[in-house]
mmCIF file of all heavy atoms, coordinates in Angstrom:
data_MODEL
# 
_entry.id   MODEL 
# 
loop_
_atom_site.group_PDB 
_atom_site.id 
_atom_site.type_symbol 
_atom_site.label_atom_id 
_atom_site.label_alt_id 
_atom_site.label_comp_id 
_atom_site.label_asym_id 
_atom_site.label_entity_id 
_atom_site.label_seq_id 
_atom_site.pdbx_PDB_ins_code 
_atom_site.Cartn_x 
_atom_site.Cartn_y 
_atom_site.Cartn_z 
_atom_site.occupancy 
_atom_site.B_iso_or_equiv 
_atom_site.pdbx_formal_charge 
_atom_site.auth_seq_id 
_atom_site.auth_comp_id 
_atom_site.auth_asym_id 
_atom_site.auth_atom_id 
_atom_site.pdbx_PDB_model_num 
ATOM 1   N N   . ILE A 1 1  ? 106.311 93.485  96.301  1.00 0.00 ? 1  ILE A N   1 
ATOM 2   C CA  . ILE A 1 1  ? 105.149 94.326  96.631  1.00 0.00 ? 1  ILE A CA  1 
ATOM 3   C C   . ILE A 1 1  ? 105.622 95.578  97.371  1.00 0.00 ? 1  ILE A C   1 
ATOM 4   O O   . ILE A 1 1  ? 105.125 96.688  97.131  1.00 0.00 ? 1  ILE A O   1 
ATOM 5   C CB  . ILE A 1 1  ? 104.110 93.543  97.456  1.00 0.00 ? 1  ILE A CB  1 
ATOM 6   C CG1 . ILE A 1 1  ? 103.430 92.486  96.572  1.00 0.00 ? 1  ILE A CG1 1 
ATOM 7   C CG2 . ILE A 1 1  ? 103.078 94.474  98.084  1.00 0.00 ? 1  ILE A CG2 1 
ATOM 8   C CD1 . ILE A 1 1  ? 102.573 91.488  97.330  1.00 0.00 ? 1  ILE A CD1 1 
ATOM 9   N N   . LEU A 1 2  ? 106.605 95.422  98.242  1.00 0.00 ? 2  LEU A N   1 
ATOM 10  C CA  . LEU A 1 2  ? 107.159 96.551  98.979  1.00 0.00 ? 2  LEU A CA  1 
ATOM 11  C C   . LEU A 1 2  ? 107.773 97.579  98.013  1.00 0.00 ? 2  LEU A C   1 
ATOM 12  O O   . LEU A 1 2  ? 107.553 98.785  98.151  1.00 0.00 ? 2  LEU A O   1 
ATOM 13  C CB  . LEU A 1 2  ? 108.204 96.041  99.974  1.00 0.00 ? 2  LEU A CB  1 
ATOM 14  C CG  . LEU A 1 2  ? 108.650 96.982  101.061 1.00 0.00 ? 2  LEU A CG  1 
ATOM 15  C CD1 . LEU A 1 2  ? 107.478 97.427  101.936 1.00 0.00 ? 2  LEU A CD1 1 
ATOM 16  C CD2 . LEU A 1 2  ? 109.710 96.301  101.918 1.00 0.00 ? 2  LEU A CD2 1 
ATOM 17  N N   . PHE A 1 3  ? 108.494 97.102  96.992  1.00 0.00 ? 3  PHE A N   1 
ATOM 18  C CA  . PHE A 1 3  ? 109.065 98.021  96.005  1.00 0.00 ? 3  PHE A CA  1 
ATOM 19  C C   . PHE A 1 3  ? 107.968 98.682  95.170  1.00 0.00 ? 3  PHE A C   1 
ATOM 20  O O   . PHE A 1 3  ? 108.086 99.858  94.803  1.00 0.00 ? 3  PHE A O   1 
ATOM 21  C CB  . PHE A 1 3  ? 110.101 97.312  95.122  1.00 0.00 ? 3  PHE A CB  1 
ATOM 22  C CG  . PHE A 1 3  ? 111.456 97.208  95.770  1.00 0.00 ? 3  PHE A CG  1 
ATOM 23  C CD1 . PHE A 1 3  ? 111.943 95.987  96.193  1.00 0.00 ? 3  PHE A CD1 1 
ATOM 24  C CD2 . PHE A 1 3  ? 112.230 98.345  95.965  1.00 0.00 ? 3  PHE A CD2 1 
ATOM 25  C CE1 . PHE A 1 3  ? 113.183 95.893  96.803  1.00 0.00 ? 3  PHE A CE1 1 
ATOM 26  C CE2 . PHE A 1 3  ? 113.477 98.265  96.576  1.00 0.00 ? 3  PHE A CE2 1 
ATOM 27  C CZ  . PHE A 1 3  ? 113.951 97.035  96.999  1.00 0.00 ? 3  PHE A CZ  1 
ATOM 28  N N   . GLU A 1 4  ? 106.889 97.964  94.885  1.00 0.00 ? 4  GLU A N   1 
ATOM 29  C CA  . GLU A 1 4  ? 105.753 98.561  94.172  1.00 0.00 ? 4  GLU A CA  1 
ATOM 30  C C   . GLU A 1 4  ? 105.132 99.684  95.001  1.00 0.00 ? 4  GLU A C   1 
ATOM 31  O O   . GLU A 1 4  ? 104.754 100.734 94.466  1.00 0.00 ? 4  GLU A O   1 
ATOM 32  C CB  . GLU A 1 4  ? 104.706 97.499  93.838  1.00 0.00 ? 4  GLU A CB  1 
ATOM 33  C CG  . GLU A 1 4  ? 105.144 96.534  92.757  1.00 0.00 ? 4  GLU A CG  1 
ATOM 34  C CD  . GLU A 1 4  ? 104.201 95.344  92.587  1.00 0.00 ? 4  GLU A CD  1 
ATOM 35  O OE1 . GLU A 1 4  ? 103.052 95.381  93.093  1.00 0.00 ? 4  GLU A OE1 1 
ATOM 36  O OE2 . GLU A 1 4  ? 104.629 94.368  91.945  1.00 0.00 ? 4  GLU A OE2 1 
ATOM 37  N N   . GLN A 1 5  ? 105.053 99.482  96.318  1.00 0.00 ? 5  GLN A N   1 
ATOM 38  C CA  . GLN A 1 5  ? 104.532 100.524 97.210  1.00 0.00 ? 5  GLN A CA  1 
ATOM 39  C C   . GLN A 1 5  ? 105.468 101.734 97.227  1.00 0.00 ? 5  GLN A C   1 
ATOM 40  O O   . GLN A 1 5  ? 105.009 102.886 97.260  1.00 0.00 ? 5  GLN A O   1 
ATOM 41  C CB  . GLN A 1 5  ? 104.348 99.975  98.626  1.00 0.00 ? 5  GLN A CB  1 
ATOM 42  C CG  . GLN A 1 5  ? 103.252 98.945  98.729  1.00 0.00 ? 5  GLN A CG  1 
ATOM 43  C CD  . GLN A 1 5  ? 103.238 98.231  100.075 1.00 0.00 ? 5  GLN A CD  1 
ATOM 44  O OE1 . GLN A 1 5  ? 104.192 98.294  100.857 1.00 0.00 ? 5  GLN A OE1 1 
ATOM 45  N NE2 . GLN A 1 5  ? 102.156 97.515  100.343 1.00 0.00 ? 5  GLN A NE2 1 
ATOM 46  N N   . ALA A 1 6  ? 106.765 101.486 97.185  1.00 0.00 ? 6  ALA A N   1 
ATOM 47  C CA  . ALA A 1 6  ? 107.737 102.580 97.169  1.00 0.00 ? 6  ALA A CA  1 
ATOM 48  C C   . ALA A 1 6  ? 107.584 103.427 95.904  1.00 0.00 ? 6  ALA A C   1 
ATOM 49  O O   . ALA A 1 6  ? 107.727 104.646 95.949  1.00 0.00 ? 6  ALA A O   1 
ATOM 50  C CB  . ALA A 1 6  ? 109.157 102.023 97.280  1.00 0.00 ? 6  ALA A CB  1 
ATOM 51  N N   . LEU A 1 7  ? 107.265 102.778 94.786  1.00 0.00 ? 7  LEU A N   1 
ATOM 52  C CA  . LEU A 1 7  ? 107.041 103.511 93.530  1.00 0.00 ? 7  LEU A CA  1 
ATOM 53  C C   . LEU A 1 7  ? 105.893 104.511 93.646  1.00 0.00 ? 7  LEU A C   1 
ATOM 54  O O   . LEU A 1 7  ? 105.906 105.557 93.000  1.00 0.00 ? 7  LEU A O   1 
ATOM 55  C CB  . LEU A 1 7  ? 106.723 102.534 92.390  1.00 0.00 ? 7  LEU A CB  1 
ATOM 56  C CG  . LEU A 1 7  ? 107.894 101.861 91.695  1.00 0.00 ? 7  LEU A CG  1 
ATOM 57  C CD1 . LEU A 1 7  ? 107.403 100.760 90.774  1.00 0.00 ? 7  LEU A CD1 1 
ATOM 58  C CD2 . LEU A 1 7  ? 108.717 102.885 90.919  1.00 0.00 ? 7  LEU A CD2 1 
ATOM 59  N N   . LYS A 1 8  ? 104.912 104.201 94.471  1.00 0.00 ? 8  LYS A N   1 
ATOM 60  C CA  . LYS A 1 8  ? 103.730 105.055 94.639  1.00 0.00 ? 8  LYS A CA  1 
ATOM 61  C C   . LYS A 1 8  ? 103.921 106.109 95.730  1.00 0.00 ? 8  LYS A C   1 
ATOM 62  O O   . LYS A 1 8  ? 103.071 106.970 95.909  1.00 0.00 ? 8  LYS A O   1 
ATOM 63  C CB  . LYS A 1 8  ? 102.509 104.194 94.964  1.00 0.00 ? 8  LYS A CB  1 
ATOM 64  C CG  . LYS A 1 8  ? 102.150 103.228 93.850  1.00 0.00 ? 8  LYS A CG  1 
ATOM 65  C CD  . LYS A 1 8  ? 101.030 102.299 94.270  1.00 0.00 ? 8  LYS A CD  1 
ATOM 66  C CE  . LYS A 1 8  ? 100.779 101.250 93.192  1.00 0.00 ? 8  LYS A CE  1 
ATOM 67  N NZ  . LYS A 1 8  ? 99.844  100.227 93.627  1.00 0.00 ? 8  LYS A NZ  1 
ATOM 68  N N   . SER A 1 9  ? 105.028 106.037 96.443  1.00 0.00 ? 9  SER A N   1 
ATOM 69  C CA  . SER A 1 9  ? 105.269 106.929 97.581  1.00 0.00 ? 9  SER A CA  1 
ATOM 70  C C   . SER A 1 9  ? 106.057 108.168 97.152  1.00 0.00 ? 9  SER A C   1 
ATOM 71  O O   . SER A 1 9  ? 107.068 108.047 96.451  1.00 0.00 ? 9  SER A O   1 
ATOM 72  C CB  . SER A 1 9  ? 106.061 106.184 98.658  1.00 0.00 ? 9  SER A CB  1 
ATOM 73  O OG  . SER A 1 9  ? 106.580 107.085 99.599  1.00 0.00 ? 9  SER A OG  1 
ATOM 74  N N   . PRO A 1 10 ? 105.639 109.360 97.588  1.00 0.00 ? 10 PRO A N   1 
ATOM 75  C CA  . PRO A 1 10 ? 106.425 110.558 97.273  1.00 0.00 ? 10 PRO A CA  1 
ATOM 76  C C   . PRO A 1 10 ? 107.831 110.512 97.878  1.00 0.00 ? 10 PRO A C   1 
ATOM 77  O O   . PRO A 1 10 ? 108.751 111.135 97.358  1.00 0.00 ? 10 PRO A O   1 
ATOM 78  C CB  . PRO A 1 10 ? 105.611 111.710 97.871  1.00 0.00 ? 10 PRO A CB  1 
ATOM 79  C CG  . PRO A 1 10 ? 104.444 111.122 98.568  1.00 0.00 ? 10 PRO A CG  1 
ATOM 80  C CD  . PRO A 1 10 ? 104.416 109.651 98.324  1.00 0.00 ? 10 PRO A CD  1 
ATOM 81  N N   . ARG A 1 11 ? 107.994 109.751 98.975  1.00 0.00 ? 11 ARG A N   1 
ATOM 82  C CA  . ARG A 1 11 ? 109.312 109.625 99.612  1.00 0.00 ? 11 ARG A CA  1 
ATOM 83  C C   . ARG A 1 11 ? 110.181 108.552 98.945  1.00 0.00 ? 11 ARG A C   1 
ATOM 84  O O   . ARG A 1 11 ? 111.319 108.347 99.336  1.00 0.00 ? 11 ARG A O   1 
ATOM 85  C CB  . ARG A 1 11 ? 109.156 109.298 101.096 1.00 0.00 ? 11 ARG A CB  1 
ATOM 86  C CG  . ARG A 1 11 ? 108.408 110.369 101.845 1.00 0.00 ? 11 ARG A CG  1 
ATOM 87  C CD  . ARG A 1 11 ? 108.319 110.129 103.343 1.00 0.00 ? 11 ARG A CD  1 
ATOM 88  N NE  . ARG A 1 11 ? 108.113 108.744 103.718 1.00 0.00 ? 11 ARG A NE  1 
ATOM 89  C CZ  . ARG A 1 11 ? 108.384 108.238 104.912 1.00 0.00 ? 11 ARG A CZ  1 
ATOM 90  N NH1 . ARG A 1 11 ? 108.871 109.006 105.863 1.00 0.00 ? 11 ARG A NH1 1 
ATOM 91  N NH2 . ARG A 1 11 ? 108.156 106.964 105.178 1.00 0.00 ? 11 ARG A NH2 1 
ATOM 92  N N   . LYS A 1 12 ? 109.618 107.824 97.982  1.00 0.00 ? 12 LYS A N   1 
ATOM 93  C CA  . LYS A 1 12 ? 110.325 106.769 97.248  1.00 0.00 ? 12 LYS A CA  1 
ATOM 94  C C   . LYS A 1 12 ? 110.804 105.648 98.160  1.00 0.00 ? 12 LYS A C   1 
ATOM 95  O O   . LYS A 1 12 ? 111.862 105.068 97.963  1.00 0.00 ? 12 LYS A O   1 
ATOM 96  C CB  . LYS A 1 12 ? 111.507 107.334 96.451  1.00 0.00 ? 12 LYS A CB  1 
ATOM 97  C CG  . LYS A 1 12 ? 111.117 108.361 95.418  1.00 0.00 ? 12 LYS A CG  1 
ATOM 98  C CD  . LYS A 1 12 ? 112.339 108.850 94.687  1.00 0.00 ? 12 LYS A CD  1 
ATOM 99  C CE  . LYS A 1 12 ? 111.978 109.915 93.682  1.00 0.00 ? 12 LYS A CE  1 
ATOM 100 N NZ  . LYS A 1 12 ? 113.130 110.421 92.965  1.00 0.00 ? 12 LYS A NZ  1 
ATOM 101 N N   . ARG A 1 13 ? 109.995 105.345 99.174  1.00 0.00 ? 13 ARG A N   1 
ATOM 102 C CA  . ARG A 1 13 ? 110.331 104.231 100.057 1.00 0.00 ? 13 ARG A CA  1 
ATOM 103 C C   . ARG A 1 13 ? 109.068 103.693 100.710 1.00 0.00 ? 13 ARG A C   1 
ATOM 104 O O   . ARG A 1 13 ? 108.058 104.383 100.792 1.00 0.00 ? 13 ARG A O   1 
ATOM 105 C CB  . ARG A 1 13 ? 111.387 104.605 101.082 1.00 0.00 ? 13 ARG A CB  1 
ATOM 106 C CG  . ARG A 1 13 ? 111.045 105.721 102.028 1.00 0.00 ? 13 ARG A CG  1 
ATOM 107 C CD  . ARG A 1 13 ? 112.260 106.015 102.930 1.00 0.00 ? 13 ARG A CD  1 
ATOM 108 N NE  . ARG A 1 13 ? 112.006 107.105 103.845 1.00 0.00 ? 13 ARG A NE  1 
ATOM 109 C CZ  . ARG A 1 13 ? 112.254 108.375 103.605 1.00 0.00 ? 13 ARG A CZ  1 
ATOM 110 N NH1 . ARG A 1 13 ? 112.786 108.735 102.468 1.00 0.00 ? 13 ARG A NH1 1 
ATOM 111 N NH2 . ARG A 1 13 ? 111.977 109.304 104.510 1.00 0.00 ? 13 ARG A NH2 1 
ATOM 112 N N   . ALA A 1 14 ? 109.173 102.437 101.173 1.00 0.00 ? 14 ALA A N   1 
ATOM 113 C CA  . ALA A 1 14 ? 108.050 101.785 101.848 1.00 0.00 ? 14 ALA A CA  1 
ATOM 114 C C   . ALA A 1 14 ? 108.595 100.852 102.919 1.00 0.00 ? 14 ALA A C   1 
ATOM 115 O O   . ALA A 1 14 ? 109.694 100.309 102.789 1.00 0.00 ? 14 ALA A O   1 
ATOM 116 C CB  . ALA A 1 14 ? 107.208 101.013 100.838 1.00 0.00 ? 14 ALA A CB  1 
ATOM 117 N N   . HIS A 1 15 ? 107.796 100.671 103.978 1.00 0.00 ? 15 HIS A N   1 
ATOM 118 C CA  . HIS A 1 15 ? 108.195 99.858  105.134 1.00 0.00 ? 15 HIS A CA  1 
ATOM 119 C C   . HIS A 1 15 ? 107.342 98.606  105.242 1.00 0.00 ? 15 HIS A C   1 
ATOM 120 O O   . HIS A 1 15 ? 106.139 98.641  104.975 1.00 0.00 ? 15 HIS A O   1 
ATOM 121 C CB  . HIS A 1 15 ? 108.005 100.647 106.434 1.00 0.00 ? 15 HIS A CB  1 
ATOM 122 C CG  . HIS A 1 15 ? 108.863 101.848 106.535 1.00 0.00 ? 15 HIS A CG  1 
ATOM 123 N ND1 . HIS A 1 15 ? 108.832 102.679 107.624 1.00 0.00 ? 15 HIS A ND1 1 
ATOM 124 C CD2 . HIS A 1 15 ? 109.786 102.401 105.710 1.00 0.00 ? 15 HIS A CD2 1 
ATOM 125 C CE1 . HIS A 1 15 ? 109.685 103.670 107.460 1.00 0.00 ? 15 HIS A CE1 1 
ATOM 126 N NE2 . HIS A 1 15 ? 110.263 103.520 106.308 1.00 0.00 ? 15 HIS A NE2 1 
ATOM 127 N N   . LEU A 1 16 ? 107.961 97.530  105.681 1.00 0.00 ? 16 LEU A N   1 
ATOM 128 C CA  . LEU A 1 16 ? 107.266 96.291  106.027 1.00 0.00 ? 16 LEU A CA  1 
ATOM 129 C C   . LEU A 1 16 ? 107.670 95.951  107.453 1.00 0.00 ? 16 LEU A C   1 
ATOM 130 O O   . LEU A 1 16 ? 108.798 95.490  107.700 1.00 0.00 ? 16 LEU A O   1 
ATOM 131 C CB  . LEU A 1 16 ? 107.651 95.151  105.078 1.00 0.00 ? 16 LEU A CB  1 
ATOM 132 C CG  . LEU A 1 16 ? 107.136 93.760  105.442 1.00 0.00 ? 16 LEU A CG  1 
ATOM 133 C CD1 . LEU A 1 16 ? 105.605 93.721  105.412 1.00 0.00 ? 16 LEU A CD1 1 
ATOM 134 C CD2 . LEU A 1 16 ? 107.728 92.712  104.510 1.00 0.00 ? 16 LEU A CD2 1 
ATOM 135 N N   . ASN A 1 17 ? 106.778 96.234  108.398 1.00 0.00 ? 17 ASN A N   1 
ATOM 136 C CA  . ASN A 1 17 ? 107.085 95.945  109.802 1.00 0.00 ? 17 ASN A CA  1 
ATOM 137 C C   . ASN A 1 17 ? 107.056 94.444  110.048 1.00 0.00 ? 17 ASN A C   1 
ATOM 138 O O   . ASN A 1 17 ? 106.116 93.759  109.646 1.00 0.00 ? 17 ASN A O   1 
ATOM 139 C CB  . ASN A 1 17 ? 106.076 96.632  110.717 1.00 0.00 ? 17 ASN A CB  1 
ATOM 140 C CG  . ASN A 1 17 ? 106.229 98.138  110.734 1.00 0.00 ? 17 ASN A CG  1 
ATOM 141 O OD1 . ASN A 1 17 ? 107.261 98.673  110.339 1.00 0.00 ? 17 ASN A OD1 1 
ATOM 142 N ND2 . ASN A 1 17 ? 105.205 98.830  111.181 1.00 0.00 ? 17 ASN A ND2 1 
ATOM 143 N N   . LEU A 1 18 ? 108.070 93.953  110.736 1.00 0.00 ? 18 LEU A N   1 
ATOM 144 C CA  . LEU A 1 18 ? 108.138 92.546  111.117 1.00 0.00 ? 18 LEU A CA  1 
ATOM 145 C C   . LEU A 1 18 ? 107.730 92.366  112.573 1.00 0.00 ? 18 LEU A C   1 
ATOM 146 O O   . LEU A 1 18 ? 107.378 91.267  112.977 1.00 0.00 ? 18 LEU A O   1 
ATOM 147 C CB  . LEU A 1 18 ? 109.546 91.990  110.892 1.00 0.00 ? 18 LEU A CB  1 
ATOM 148 C CG  . LEU A 1 18 ? 110.096 92.169  109.474 1.00 0.00 ? 18 LEU A CG  1 
ATOM 149 C CD1 . LEU A 1 18 ? 111.523 91.637  109.391 1.00 0.00 ? 18 LEU A CD1 1 
ATOM 150 C CD2 . LEU A 1 18 ? 109.202 91.502  108.456 1.00 0.00 ? 18 LEU A CD2 1 
ATOM 151 N N   . HIS A 1 19 ? 107.775 93.441  113.349 1.00 0.00 ? 19 HIS A N   1 
ATOM 152 C CA  . HIS A 1 19 ? 107.331 93.386  114.740 1.00 0.00 ? 19 HIS A CA  1 
ATOM 153 C C   . HIS A 1 19 ? 105.805 93.440  114.758 1.00 0.00 ? 19 HIS A C   1 
ATOM 154 O O   . HIS A 1 19 ? 105.171 93.928  113.817 1.00 0.00 ? 19 HIS A O   1 
ATOM 155 C CB  . HIS A 1 19 ? 107.945 94.524  115.557 1.00 0.00 ? 19 HIS A CB  1 
ATOM 156 C CG  . HIS A 1 19 ? 107.863 95.866  114.911 1.00 0.00 ? 19 HIS A CG  1 
ATOM 157 N ND1 . HIS A 1 19 ? 108.779 96.299  113.970 1.00 0.00 ? 19 HIS A ND1 1 
ATOM 158 C CD2 . HIS A 1 19 ? 106.968 96.868  115.046 1.00 0.00 ? 19 HIS A CD2 1 
ATOM 159 C CE1 . HIS A 1 19 ? 108.445 97.511  113.577 1.00 0.00 ? 19 HIS A CE1 1 
ATOM 160 N NE2 . HIS A 1 19 ? 107.350 97.887  114.214 1.00 0.00 ? 19 HIS A NE2 1 
ATOM 161 N N   . THR A 1 20 ? 105.216 92.926  115.806 1.00 0.00 ? 20 THR A N   1 
ATOM 162 C CA  . THR A 1 20 ? 103.755 92.849  115.874 1.00 0.00 ? 20 THR A CA  1 
ATOM 163 C C   . THR A 1 20 ? 103.130 94.078  116.509 1.00 0.00 ? 20 THR A C   1 
ATOM 164 O O   . THR A 1 20 ? 101.937 94.318  116.336 1.00 0.00 ? 20 THR A O   1 
ATOM 165 C CB  . THR A 1 20 ? 103.306 91.591  116.652 1.00 0.00 ? 20 THR A CB  1 
ATOM 166 O OG1 . THR A 1 20 ? 103.906 91.624  117.950 1.00 0.00 ? 20 THR A OG1 1 
ATOM 167 C CG2 . THR A 1 20 ? 103.725 90.330  115.929 1.00 0.00 ? 20 THR A CG2 1 
ATOM 168 N N   . SER A 1 21 ? 103.933 94.861  117.218 1.00 0.00 ? 21 SER A N   1 
ATOM 169 C CA  . SER A 1 21 ? 103.404 96.030  117.921 1.00 0.00 ? 21 SER A CA  1 
ATOM 170 C C   . SER A 1 21 ? 104.501 97.075  118.075 1.00 0.00 ? 21 SER A C   1 
ATOM 171 O O   . SER A 1 21 ? 105.687 96.726  118.186 1.00 0.00 ? 21 SER A O   1 
ATOM 172 C CB  . SER A 1 21 ? 102.908 95.610  119.313 1.00 0.00 ? 21 SER A CB  1 
ATOM 173 O OG  . SER A 1 21 ? 102.723 96.720  120.149 1.00 0.00 ? 21 SER A OG  1 
ATOM 174 N N   . PHE A 1 22 ? 104.107 98.346  118.108 1.00 0.00 ? 22 PHE A N   1 
ATOM 175 C CA  . PHE A 1 22 ? 105.076 99.404  118.381 1.00 0.00 ? 22 PHE A CA  1 
ATOM 176 C C   . PHE A 1 22 ? 105.603 99.317  119.812 1.00 0.00 ? 22 PHE A C   1 
ATOM 177 O O   . PHE A 1 22 ? 106.597 99.948  120.154 1.00 0.00 ? 22 PHE A O   1 
ATOM 178 C CB  . PHE A 1 22 ? 104.473 100.780 118.121 1.00 0.00 ? 22 PHE A CB  1 
ATOM 179 C CG  . PHE A 1 22 ? 104.262 101.080 116.656 1.00 0.00 ? 22 PHE A CG  1 
ATOM 180 C CD1 . PHE A 1 22 ? 103.161 101.803 116.248 1.00 0.00 ? 22 PHE A CD1 1 
ATOM 181 C CD2 . PHE A 1 22 ? 105.159 100.659 115.695 1.00 0.00 ? 22 PHE A CD2 1 
ATOM 182 C CE1 . PHE A 1 22 ? 102.959 102.100 114.907 1.00 0.00 ? 22 PHE A CE1 1 
ATOM 183 C CE2 . PHE A 1 22 ? 104.971 100.946 114.349 1.00 0.00 ? 22 PHE A CE2 1 
ATOM 184 C CZ  . PHE A 1 22 ? 103.868 101.665 113.963 1.00 0.00 ? 22 PHE A CZ  1 
ATOM 185 N N   . ASP A 1 23 ? 104.958 98.508  120.655 1.00 0.00 ? 23 ASP A N   1 
ATOM 186 C CA  . ASP A 1 23 ? 105.421 98.297  122.021 1.00 0.00 ? 23 ASP A CA  1 
ATOM 187 C C   . ASP A 1 23 ? 106.484 97.208  122.126 1.00 0.00 ? 23 ASP A C   1 
ATOM 188 O O   . ASP A 1 23 ? 107.103 97.059  123.189 1.00 0.00 ? 23 ASP A O   1 
ATOM 189 C CB  . ASP A 1 23 ? 104.240 97.933  122.937 1.00 0.00 ? 23 ASP A CB  1 
ATOM 190 C CG  . ASP A 1 23 ? 103.281 99.098  123.123 1.00 0.00 ? 23 ASP A CG  1 
ATOM 191 O OD1 . ASP A 1 23 ? 103.747 100.255 123.175 1.00 0.00 ? 23 ASP A OD1 1 
ATOM 192 O OD2 . ASP A 1 23 ? 102.072 98.843  123.206 1.00 0.00 ? 23 ASP A OD2 1 
ATOM 193 N N   . ASP A 1 24 ? 106.707 96.432  121.044 1.00 0.00 ? 24 ASP A N   1 
ATOM 194 C CA  . ASP A 1 24 ? 107.715 95.366  121.080 1.00 0.00 ? 24 ASP A CA  1 
ATOM 195 C C   . ASP A 1 24 ? 109.075 95.923  121.467 1.00 0.00 ? 24 ASP A C   1 
ATOM 196 O O   . ASP A 1 24 ? 109.456 97.029  121.057 1.00 0.00 ? 24 ASP A O   1 
ATOM 197 C CB  . ASP A 1 24 ? 107.831 94.676  119.724 1.00 0.00 ? 24 ASP A CB  1 
ATOM 198 C CG  . ASP A 1 24 ? 106.669 93.747  119.430 1.00 0.00 ? 24 ASP A CG  1 
ATOM 199 O OD1 . ASP A 1 24 ? 105.749 93.644  120.267 1.00 0.00 ? 24 ASP A OD1 1 
ATOM 200 O OD2 . ASP A 1 24 ? 106.677 93.125  118.347 1.00 0.00 ? 24 ASP A OD2 1 
ATOM 201 N N   . LYS A 1 25 ? 109.817 95.153  122.253 1.00 0.00 ? 25 LYS A N   1 
ATOM 202 C CA  . LYS A 1 25 ? 111.133 95.580  122.727 1.00 0.00 ? 25 LYS A CA  1 
ATOM 203 C C   . LYS A 1 25 ? 112.130 95.725  121.583 1.00 0.00 ? 25 LYS A C   1 
ATOM 204 O O   . LYS A 1 25 ? 113.015 96.573  121.629 1.00 0.00 ? 25 LYS A O   1 
ATOM 205 C CB  . LYS A 1 25 ? 111.659 94.602  123.767 1.00 0.00 ? 25 LYS A CB  1 
ATOM 206 C CG  . LYS A 1 25 ? 112.981 95.035  124.359 1.00 0.00 ? 25 LYS A CG  1 
ATOM 207 C CD  . LYS A 1 25 ? 113.218 94.432  125.710 1.00 0.00 ? 25 LYS A CD  1 
ATOM 208 C CE  . LYS A 1 25 ? 114.529 94.818  126.317 1.00 0.00 ? 25 LYS A CE  1 
ATOM 209 N NZ  . LYS A 1 25 ? 114.696 96.224  126.590 1.00 0.00 ? 25 LYS A NZ  1 
ATOM 210 N N   . VAL A 1 26 ? 111.985 94.911  120.548 1.00 0.00 ? 26 VAL A N   1 
ATOM 211 C CA  . VAL A 1 26 ? 112.856 95.014  119.371 1.00 0.00 ? 26 VAL A CA  1 
ATOM 212 C C   . VAL A 1 26 ? 111.975 95.308  118.156 1.00 0.00 ? 26 VAL A C   1 
ATOM 213 O O   . VAL A 1 26 ? 111.057 94.541  117.855 1.00 0.00 ? 26 VAL A O   1 
ATOM 214 C CB  . VAL A 1 26 ? 113.671 93.721  119.142 1.00 0.00 ? 26 VAL A CB  1 
ATOM 215 C CG1 . VAL A 1 26 ? 114.541 93.851  117.900 1.00 0.00 ? 26 VAL A CG1 1 
ATOM 216 C CG2 . VAL A 1 26 ? 114.525 93.404  120.364 1.00 0.00 ? 26 VAL A CG2 1 
ATOM 217 N N   . GLN A 1 27 ? 112.248 96.421  117.508 1.00 0.00 ? 27 GLN A N   1 
ATOM 218 C CA  . GLN A 1 27 ? 111.534 96.822  116.299 1.00 0.00 ? 27 GLN A CA  1 
ATOM 219 C C   . GLN A 1 27 ? 112.349 96.343  115.101 1.00 0.00 ? 27 GLN A C   1 
ATOM 220 O O   . GLN A 1 27 ? 113.559 96.592  115.038 1.00 0.00 ? 27 GLN A O   1 
ATOM 221 C CB  . GLN A 1 27 ? 111.379 98.348  116.261 1.00 0.00 ? 27 GLN A CB  1 
ATOM 222 C CG  . GLN A 1 27 ? 110.694 98.915  117.489 1.00 0.00 ? 27 GLN A CG  1 
ATOM 223 C CD  . GLN A 1 27 ? 109.208 98.676  117.491 1.00 0.00 ? 27 GLN A CD  1 
ATOM 224 O OE1 . GLN A 1 27 ? 108.500 99.133  116.603 1.00 0.00 ? 27 GLN A OE1 1 
ATOM 225 N NE2 . GLN A 1 27 ? 108.729 97.955  118.490 1.00 0.00 ? 27 GLN A NE2 1 
ATOM 226 N N   . ARG A 1 28 ? 111.700 95.645  114.164 1.00 0.00 ? 28 ARG A N   1 
ATOM 227 C CA  . ARG A 1 28 ? 112.375 95.097  112.996 1.00 0.00 ? 28 ARG A CA  1 
ATOM 228 C C   . ARG A 1 28 ? 111.529 95.426  111.778 1.00 0.00 ? 28 ARG A C   1 
ATOM 229 O O   . ARG A 1 28 ? 110.328 95.177  111.775 1.00 0.00 ? 28 ARG A O   1 
ATOM 230 C CB  . ARG A 1 28 ? 112.538 93.584  113.121 1.00 0.00 ? 28 ARG A CB  1 
ATOM 231 C CG  . ARG A 1 28 ? 113.285 93.199  114.376 1.00 0.00 ? 28 ARG A CG  1 
ATOM 232 C CD  . ARG A 1 28 ? 113.046 91.792  114.885 1.00 0.00 ? 28 ARG A CD  1 
ATOM 233 N NE  . ARG A 1 28 ? 111.770 91.144  114.694 1.00 0.00 ? 28 ARG A NE  1 
ATOM 234 C CZ  . ARG A 1 28 ? 110.728 91.248  115.512 1.00 0.00 ? 28 ARG A CZ  1 
ATOM 235 N NH1 . ARG A 1 28 ? 110.758 92.035  116.571 1.00 0.00 ? 28 ARG A NH1 1 
ATOM 236 N NH2 . ARG A 1 28 ? 109.621 90.564  115.279 1.00 0.00 ? 28 ARG A NH2 1 
# 
């Protein structure tokens, strides 16, 4: 699904955040 999203993106990439918040000490 992530690669399908990348196909639709002008930047040719897509992100899947594994962290629950941008405040998390470790961003994954």
